[in-house]
């Protein structure tokens, strides 16, 4: 098959199973539950930077014109960057955990005789009428549309 530039059966199965796993409408970018965020210990590096910034600021609220203004602003920027990086890391790891364990959770629920959760699509609430109409066209396409009819809808 490699000589004919055709994918092998294993690669097709791998590709199709990957698509099935990665397309879950319940999975959002920020899908980490609040309980997980609450249980996360604070990052010691961020805490150390915040303590250092607090020491430089002292009791002052406004830092404009102080001798440590540049260093305080650098620390504030660094703290924001580290928090964003940590948040992204936690979200990515939770997403990996979700996609790795979701099939197992489904099998266990079926084995226990529990009912399957019915997925309810979120309502699209847009203020601009043109956008609402466009969203309705794109999201609610009939299954039996031909390629020409689908092209007509997009135009």
Protein backbone atom coordinates (compact mmCIF):
# COMPACT_ATOMS: atom_id res chain seq x y z
CA UNK A 1 0.00 0.00 0.00
CA UNK A 2 2.88 2.35 0.68
CA UNK A 3 3.99 2.01 -2.92
CA UNK A 4 0.53 2.95 -4.18
CA UNK A 5 0.32 5.97 -1.84
CA UNK A 6 -2.67 4.44 -0.07
CA UNK A 7 -2.96 4.48 3.70
CA UNK A 8 -2.82 1.16 5.51
CA UNK A 9 -5.85 -0.21 7.34
CA UNK A 10 -4.20 0.43 10.70
CA UNK A 11 -3.60 4.09 9.88
CA UNK A 12 -7.21 4.50 8.68
CA UNK A 13 -8.57 2.94 11.86
CA UNK A 14 -6.25 5.09 13.95
CA UNK A 15 -7.29 8.24 12.11
CA UNK A 16 -11.01 7.49 12.34
CA UNK A 17 -10.87 6.52 16.01
CA UNK A 18 -8.91 9.69 16.76
CA UNK A 19 -11.60 11.76 15.07
CA UNK A 20 -14.29 10.06 17.12
CA UNK A 21 -12.47 10.70 20.37
CA UNK A 22 -11.64 14.29 19.65
CA UNK A 23 -15.15 15.31 18.59
CA UNK A 24 -17.17 15.42 21.77
CA UNK A 25 -19.62 18.32 21.97
CA UNK A 26 -19.53 18.12 25.77
CA UNK A 27 -15.81 18.86 25.77
CA UNK A 28 -15.05 22.54 25.98
CA UNK A 29 -11.77 24.38 26.13
CA UNK A 30 -12.29 25.24 29.77
CA UNK A 31 -13.97 22.12 31.09
CA UNK A 32 -12.14 21.83 34.42
CA UNK A 33 -14.77 21.54 37.19
CA UNK A 34 -14.76 24.10 40.01
CA UNK A 35 -14.01 21.30 42.51
CA UNK A 36 -10.74 20.54 40.71
CA UNK A 37 -9.73 24.21 40.76
CA UNK A 38 -10.56 24.40 44.48
CA UNK A 39 -8.40 21.34 45.24
CA UNK A 40 -5.38 22.63 43.31
CA UNK A 41 -2.59 23.67 45.66
CA UNK A 42 -1.17 27.14 45.05
CA UNK A 43 1.93 27.30 42.90
CA UNK A 44 4.93 27.95 45.23
CA UNK A 45 6.78 29.90 42.54
CA UNK A 46 3.85 32.27 42.02
CA UNK A 47 3.42 32.65 45.79
CA UNK A 48 7.11 33.58 46.15
CA UNK A 49 6.79 36.20 43.42
CA UNK A 50 3.65 37.64 45.02
CA UNK A 51 5.39 37.86 48.40
CA UNK A 52 8.36 39.61 46.83
CA UNK A 53 6.05 42.06 45.05
CA UNK A 54 4.17 42.73 48.30
CA UNK A 55 7.46 43.43 50.08
CA UNK A 56 8.50 45.90 47.39
CA UNK A 57 5.12 47.63 47.44
CA UNK A 58 4.91 47.76 51.22
CA UNK A 59 1.67 49.38 52.27
CA UNK A 60 1.45 51.60 49.19
CA UNK A 61 -1.39 51.05 46.77
CA UNK A 62 -0.08 53.34 44.04
CA UNK A 63 3.39 52.57 42.80
CA UNK A 64 3.78 55.32 40.19
CA UNK A 65 6.90 57.34 40.91
CA UNK A 66 8.36 54.99 43.52
CA UNK A 67 11.91 53.71 43.24
CA UNK A 68 10.72 50.09 42.84
CA UNK A 69 8.05 50.85 40.23
CA UNK A 70 9.82 49.08 37.34
CA UNK A 71 10.59 45.95 39.39
CA UNK A 72 7.01 45.80 40.75
CA UNK A 73 5.58 46.06 37.22
CA UNK A 74 7.96 43.32 36.02
CA UNK A 75 6.87 41.06 38.87
CA UNK A 76 3.18 41.76 38.16
CA UNK A 77 3.68 40.86 34.49
CA UNK A 78 5.65 37.72 35.38
CA UNK A 79 2.97 36.61 37.87
CA UNK A 80 0.24 37.05 35.23
CA UNK A 81 2.26 35.05 32.70
CA UNK A 82 2.91 32.21 35.15
CA UNK A 83 -0.75 32.08 36.18
CA UNK A 84 -1.85 31.93 32.52
CA UNK A 85 0.70 29.20 31.78
CA UNK A 86 -0.42 27.18 34.82
CA UNK A 87 -4.09 27.55 33.87
CA UNK A 88 -3.39 26.42 30.31
CA UNK A 89 -1.37 23.44 31.60
CA UNK A 90 -4.16 22.36 33.97
CA UNK A 91 -6.81 22.72 31.25
CA UNK A 92 -4.73 20.71 28.76
CA UNK A 93 -4.06 17.92 31.29
CA UNK A 94 -7.70 17.72 32.35
CA UNK A 95 -8.75 17.54 28.70
CA UNK A 96 -6.29 14.68 28.12
CA UNK A 97 -7.65 12.95 31.23
CA UNK A 98 -11.21 13.42 29.98
CA UNK A 99 -10.58 11.99 26.49
CA UNK A 100 -8.49 9.13 27.87
CA UNK A 101 -11.12 8.08 30.44
CA UNK A 102 -14.41 9.01 28.75
CA UNK A 103 -14.84 5.68 26.89
CA UNK A 104 -14.21 3.78 30.13
CA UNK A 105 -16.74 5.91 31.98
CA UNK A 106 -19.31 5.14 29.26
CA UNK A 107 -18.67 1.37 29.48
CA UNK A 108 -18.88 1.40 33.29
CA UNK A 109 -22.13 3.34 33.20
CA UNK A 110 -23.62 0.87 30.71
CA UNK A 111 -22.41 -2.09 32.78
CA UNK A 112 -24.03 -0.64 35.91
CA UNK A 113 -27.32 -0.21 34.05
CA UNK A 114 -27.33 3.56 34.41
CA UNK A 115 -29.10 5.62 31.80
CA UNK A 116 -27.09 7.50 29.26
CA UNK A 117 -26.96 11.26 29.75
CA UNK A 118 -28.82 12.94 26.98
CA UNK A 119 -26.80 15.72 25.43
CA UNK A 120 -28.66 18.99 25.10
CA UNK A 121 -27.17 21.41 22.63
CA UNK A 122 -26.58 24.86 24.10
CA UNK A 123 -28.95 27.55 22.94
CA UNK A 124 -27.53 30.13 20.58
CA UNK A 125 -28.51 33.56 21.87
CA UNK A 126 -27.15 36.31 19.64
CA UNK A 127 -28.09 39.98 19.74
CA UNK A 128 -27.40 40.81 16.09
CA UNK A 129 -30.16 39.35 13.88
CA UNK A 130 -27.84 38.66 10.94
CA UNK A 131 -25.51 36.62 13.13
CA UNK A 132 -28.42 34.71 14.64
CA UNK A 133 -29.68 33.85 11.15
CA UNK A 134 -26.20 32.77 10.04
CA UNK A 135 -25.77 30.62 13.16
CA UNK A 136 -29.14 28.96 12.53
CA UNK A 137 -28.15 28.16 8.94
CA UNK A 138 -24.75 26.74 9.87
CA UNK A 139 -25.83 24.77 12.94
CA UNK A 140 -29.14 23.34 11.76
CA UNK A 141 -28.33 21.89 8.37
CA UNK A 142 -30.55 19.03 7.15
CA UNK A 143 -28.78 15.70 6.70
CA UNK A 144 -30.18 15.04 3.22
CA UNK A 145 -28.71 18.13 1.52
CA UNK A 146 -26.83 17.61 -1.71
CA UNK A 147 -23.52 19.37 -2.26
CA UNK A 148 -25.15 21.95 -4.56
CA UNK A 149 -27.92 22.69 -2.06
CA UNK A 150 -25.34 23.04 0.69
CA UNK A 151 -23.36 25.44 -1.50
CA UNK A 152 -26.51 27.48 -2.10
CA UNK A 153 -27.05 27.79 1.66
CA UNK A 154 -23.50 28.99 2.18
CA UNK A 155 -23.77 31.59 -0.56
